[in-house]
Protein backbone atom coordinates (compact mmCIF):
# COMPACT_ATOMS: atom_id res chain seq x y z
CA UNK A 1 0.00 0.00 0.00
CA UNK A 2 1.47 3.40 -0.93
CA UNK A 3 2.26 5.86 1.84
CA UNK A 4 -0.17 8.72 2.32
CA UNK A 5 1.20 12.26 2.34
CA UNK A 6 1.14 13.74 5.80
CA UNK A 7 -1.70 16.18 6.52
CA UNK A 8 0.90 18.93 7.09
CA UNK A 9 2.48 18.32 3.69
CA UNK A 10 -0.95 18.37 2.04
CA UNK A 11 -1.83 21.62 3.83
CA UNK A 12 1.41 23.28 2.75
CA UNK A 13 0.89 22.18 -0.85
CA UNK A 14 -2.73 23.32 -0.83
CA UNK A 15 -1.96 26.70 0.72
CA UNK A 16 0.90 27.29 -1.71
CA UNK A 17 -0.77 26.24 -4.96
CA UNK A 18 -4.53 26.03 -4.51
CA UNK A 19 -5.69 28.42 -1.81
CA UNK A 20 -7.47 30.79 -4.17
CA UNK A 21 -9.48 27.98 -5.79
CA UNK A 22 -12.88 26.87 -4.55
CA UNK A 23 -13.02 23.16 -3.90
CA UNK A 24 -16.81 22.87 -4.20
CA UNK A 25 -17.56 19.68 -6.19
CA UNK A 26 -14.02 18.33 -5.71
CA UNK A 27 -13.65 14.67 -4.79
CA UNK A 28 -11.40 14.42 -1.75
CA UNK A 29 -10.00 12.04 0.80
CA UNK A 30 -10.43 13.38 4.32
CA UNK A 31 -8.97 12.43 7.67
CA UNK A 32 -11.65 11.44 10.18
CA UNK A 33 -9.26 10.67 13.06
CA UNK A 34 -5.60 9.78 13.61
CA UNK A 35 -5.63 6.63 11.47
CA UNK A 36 -8.94 6.76 9.57
CA UNK A 37 -9.81 8.30 6.23
CA UNK A 38 -12.94 8.70 4.15
CA UNK A 39 -13.77 9.84 0.64
CA UNK A 40 -16.43 12.30 -0.43
CA UNK A 41 -17.54 15.36 -2.35
CA UNK A 42 -16.93 18.93 -1.13
CA UNK A 43 -20.32 20.66 -0.88
CA UNK A 44 -19.13 23.86 0.82
CA UNK A 45 -15.73 25.58 1.00
CA UNK A 46 -14.78 28.84 2.69
CA UNK A 47 -11.38 29.59 1.20
CA UNK A 48 -10.77 32.50 3.59
CA UNK A 49 -11.13 30.43 6.76
CA UNK A 50 -10.04 27.13 5.21
CA UNK A 51 -13.12 25.25 6.38
CA UNK A 52 -15.20 22.91 4.28
CA UNK A 53 -18.08 20.47 4.36
CA UNK A 54 -17.79 17.09 2.68
CA UNK A 55 -20.60 14.61 1.96
CA UNK A 56 -19.59 10.96 1.76
CA UNK A 57 -21.29 8.21 -0.27
CA UNK A 58 -23.66 7.46 2.62
CA UNK A 59 -24.81 11.09 2.82
CA UNK A 60 -22.96 11.81 6.06
CA UNK A 61 -21.42 15.28 6.35
CA UNK A 62 -17.92 15.94 7.69
CA UNK A 63 -16.92 19.46 8.68
CA UNK A 64 -13.28 20.34 9.04
CA UNK A 65 -10.18 22.12 7.86
CA UNK A 66 -8.70 21.90 4.39
CA UNK A 67 -5.40 20.76 5.90
CA UNK A 68 -7.06 17.40 6.66
CA UNK A 69 -7.86 16.57 3.02
CA UNK A 70 -6.14 15.33 -0.10
CA UNK A 71 -7.78 16.29 -3.39
CA UNK A 72 -8.41 13.27 -5.60
CA UNK A 73 -10.20 15.07 -8.43
CA UNK A 74 -10.53 18.84 -8.84
CA UNK A 75 -13.90 20.29 -9.96
CA UNK A 76 -12.56 21.20 -13.41
CA UNK A 77 -11.38 17.60 -13.89
CA UNK A 78 -14.85 16.11 -13.37
CA UNK A 79 -16.25 14.33 -16.40
CA UNK A 80 -19.78 15.28 -17.41
CA UNK A 81 -22.06 12.39 -18.31
CA UNK A 82 -25.07 12.64 -20.58
CA UNK A 83 -28.49 12.08 -19.21
C-alpha atoms as a PDB file:
ATOM      1  CA  UNK A   1       0.000   0.000   0.000  1.00  0.00           C
ATOM      2  CA  UNK A   2       1.470   3.400  -0.926  1.00  0.00           C
ATOM      3  CA  UNK A   3       2.256   5.857   1.839  1.00  0.00           C
ATOM      4  CA  UNK A   4      -0.171   8.718   2.322  1.00  0.00           C
ATOM      5  CA  UNK A   5       1.195  12.255   2.340  1.00  0.00           C
ATOM      6  CA  UNK A   6       1.137  13.742   5.804  1.00  0.00           C
ATOM      7  CA  UNK A   7      -1.701  16.181   6.517  1.00  0.00           C
ATOM      8  CA  UNK A   8       0.897  18.930   7.095  1.00  0.00           C
ATOM      9  CA  UNK A   9       2.485  18.316   3.689  1.00  0.00           C
ATOM     10  CA  UNK A  10      -0.947  18.370   2.044  1.00  0.00           C
ATOM     11  CA  UNK A  11      -1.829  21.625   3.831  1.00  0.00           C
ATOM     12  CA  UNK A  12       1.409  23.282   2.752  1.00  0.00           C
ATOM     13  CA  UNK A  13       0.891  22.183  -0.850  1.00  0.00           C
ATOM     14  CA  UNK A  14      -2.734  23.317  -0.833  1.00  0.00           C
ATOM     15  CA  UNK A  15      -1.958  26.697   0.721  1.00  0.00           C
ATOM     16  CA  UNK A  16       0.897  27.291  -1.709  1.00  0.00           C
ATOM     17  CA  UNK A  17      -0.766  26.242  -4.964  1.00  0.00           C
ATOM     18  CA  UNK A  18      -4.533  26.034  -4.508  1.00  0.00           C
ATOM     19  CA  UNK A  19      -5.691  28.417  -1.806  1.00  0.00           C
ATOM     20  CA  UNK A  20      -7.474  30.793  -4.172  1.00  0.00           C
ATOM     21  CA  UNK A  21      -9.476  27.978  -5.790  1.00  0.00           C
ATOM     22  CA  UNK A  22     -12.876  26.872  -4.550  1.00  0.00           C
ATOM     23  CA  UNK A  23     -13.024  23.162  -3.898  1.00  0.00           C
ATOM     24  CA  UNK A  24     -16.813  22.874  -4.197  1.00  0.00           C
ATOM     25  CA  UNK A  25     -17.558  19.680  -6.185  1.00  0.00           C
ATOM     26  CA  UNK A  26     -14.019  18.326  -5.713  1.00  0.00           C
ATOM     27  CA  UNK A  27     -13.649  14.666  -4.793  1.00  0.00           C
ATOM     28  CA  UNK A  28     -11.405  14.419  -1.750  1.00  0.00           C
ATOM     29  CA  UNK A  29     -10.003  12.039   0.804  1.00  0.00           C
ATOM     30  CA  UNK A  30     -10.431  13.383   4.316  1.00  0.00           C
ATOM     31  CA  UNK A  31      -8.971  12.431   7.669  1.00  0.00           C
ATOM     32  CA  UNK A  32     -11.646  11.435  10.180  1.00  0.00           C
ATOM     33  CA  UNK A  33      -9.256  10.672  13.057  1.00  0.00           C
ATOM     34  CA  UNK A  34      -5.603   9.778  13.611  1.00  0.00           C
ATOM     35  CA  UNK A  35      -5.627   6.631  11.475  1.00  0.00           C
ATOM     36  CA  UNK A  36      -8.938   6.757   9.574  1.00  0.00           C
ATOM     37  CA  UNK A  37      -9.810   8.300   6.230  1.00  0.00           C
ATOM     38  CA  UNK A  38     -12.941   8.697   4.155  1.00  0.00           C
ATOM     39  CA  UNK A  39     -13.766   9.841   0.640  1.00  0.00           C
ATOM     40  CA  UNK A  40     -16.428  12.297  -0.428  1.00  0.00           C
ATOM     41  CA  UNK A  41     -17.542  15.364  -2.352  1.00  0.00           C
ATOM     42  CA  UNK A  42     -16.932  18.925  -1.132  1.00  0.00           C
ATOM     43  CA  UNK A  43     -20.316  20.661  -0.884  1.00  0.00           C
ATOM     44  CA  UNK A  44     -19.131  23.858   0.817  1.00  0.00           C
ATOM     45  CA  UNK A  45     -15.733  25.584   0.996  1.00  0.00           C
ATOM     46  CA  UNK A  46     -14.779  28.845   2.689  1.00  0.00           C
ATOM     47  CA  UNK A  47     -11.379  29.588   1.197  1.00  0.00           C
ATOM     48  CA  UNK A  48     -10.768  32.498   3.588  1.00  0.00           C
ATOM     49  CA  UNK A  49     -11.127  30.431   6.761  1.00  0.00           C
ATOM     50  CA  UNK A  50     -10.038  27.132   5.214  1.00  0.00           C
ATOM     51  CA  UNK A  51     -13.120  25.255   6.384  1.00  0.00           C
ATOM     52  CA  UNK A  52     -15.197  22.915   4.281  1.00  0.00           C
ATOM     53  CA  UNK A  53     -18.081  20.474   4.365  1.00  0.00           C
ATOM     54  CA  UNK A  54     -17.788  17.087   2.685  1.00  0.00           C
ATOM     55  CA  UNK A  55     -20.600  14.613   1.963  1.00  0.00           C
ATOM     56  CA  UNK A  56     -19.588  10.964   1.756  1.00  0.00           C
ATOM     57  CA  UNK A  57     -21.294   8.205  -0.269  1.00  0.00           C
ATOM     58  CA  UNK A  58     -23.661   7.461   2.624  1.00  0.00           C
ATOM     59  CA  UNK A  59     -24.807  11.090   2.816  1.00  0.00           C
ATOM     60  CA  UNK A  60     -22.963  11.807   6.058  1.00  0.00           C
ATOM     61  CA  UNK A  61     -21.420  15.276   6.347  1.00  0.00           C
ATOM     62  CA  UNK A  62     -17.923  15.944   7.687  1.00  0.00           C
ATOM     63  CA  UNK A  63     -16.917  19.462   8.678  1.00  0.00           C
ATOM     64  CA  UNK A  64     -13.279  20.341   9.037  1.00  0.00           C
ATOM     65  CA  UNK A  65     -10.184  22.124   7.864  1.00  0.00           C
ATOM     66  CA  UNK A  66      -8.700  21.900   4.388  1.00  0.00           C
ATOM     67  CA  UNK A  67      -5.396  20.761   5.902  1.00  0.00           C
ATOM     68  CA  UNK A  68      -7.059  17.396   6.656  1.00  0.00           C
ATOM     69  CA  UNK A  69      -7.862  16.567   3.022  1.00  0.00           C
ATOM     70  CA  UNK A  70      -6.142  15.334  -0.098  1.00  0.00           C
ATOM     71  CA  UNK A  71      -7.779  16.286  -3.391  1.00  0.00           C
ATOM     72  CA  UNK A  72      -8.409  13.270  -5.603  1.00  0.00           C
ATOM     73  CA  UNK A  73     -10.203  15.066  -8.428  1.00  0.00           C
ATOM     74  CA  UNK A  74     -10.529  18.841  -8.836  1.00  0.00           C
ATOM     75  CA  UNK A  75     -13.902  20.288  -9.962  1.00  0.00           C
ATOM     76  CA  UNK A  76     -12.557  21.196 -13.409  1.00  0.00           C
ATOM     77  CA  UNK A  77     -11.382  17.598 -13.889  1.00  0.00           C
ATOM     78  CA  UNK A  78     -14.849  16.112 -13.368  1.00  0.00           C
ATOM     79  CA  UNK A  79     -16.254  14.327 -16.400  1.00  0.00           C
ATOM     80  CA  UNK A  80     -19.778  15.278 -17.415  1.00  0.00           C
ATOM     81  CA  UNK A  81     -22.059  12.390 -18.313  1.00  0.00           C
ATOM     82  CA  UNK A  82     -25.065  12.636 -20.577  1.00  0.00           C
ATOM     83  CA  UNK A  83     -28.491  12.082 -19.213  1.00  0.00           C
END
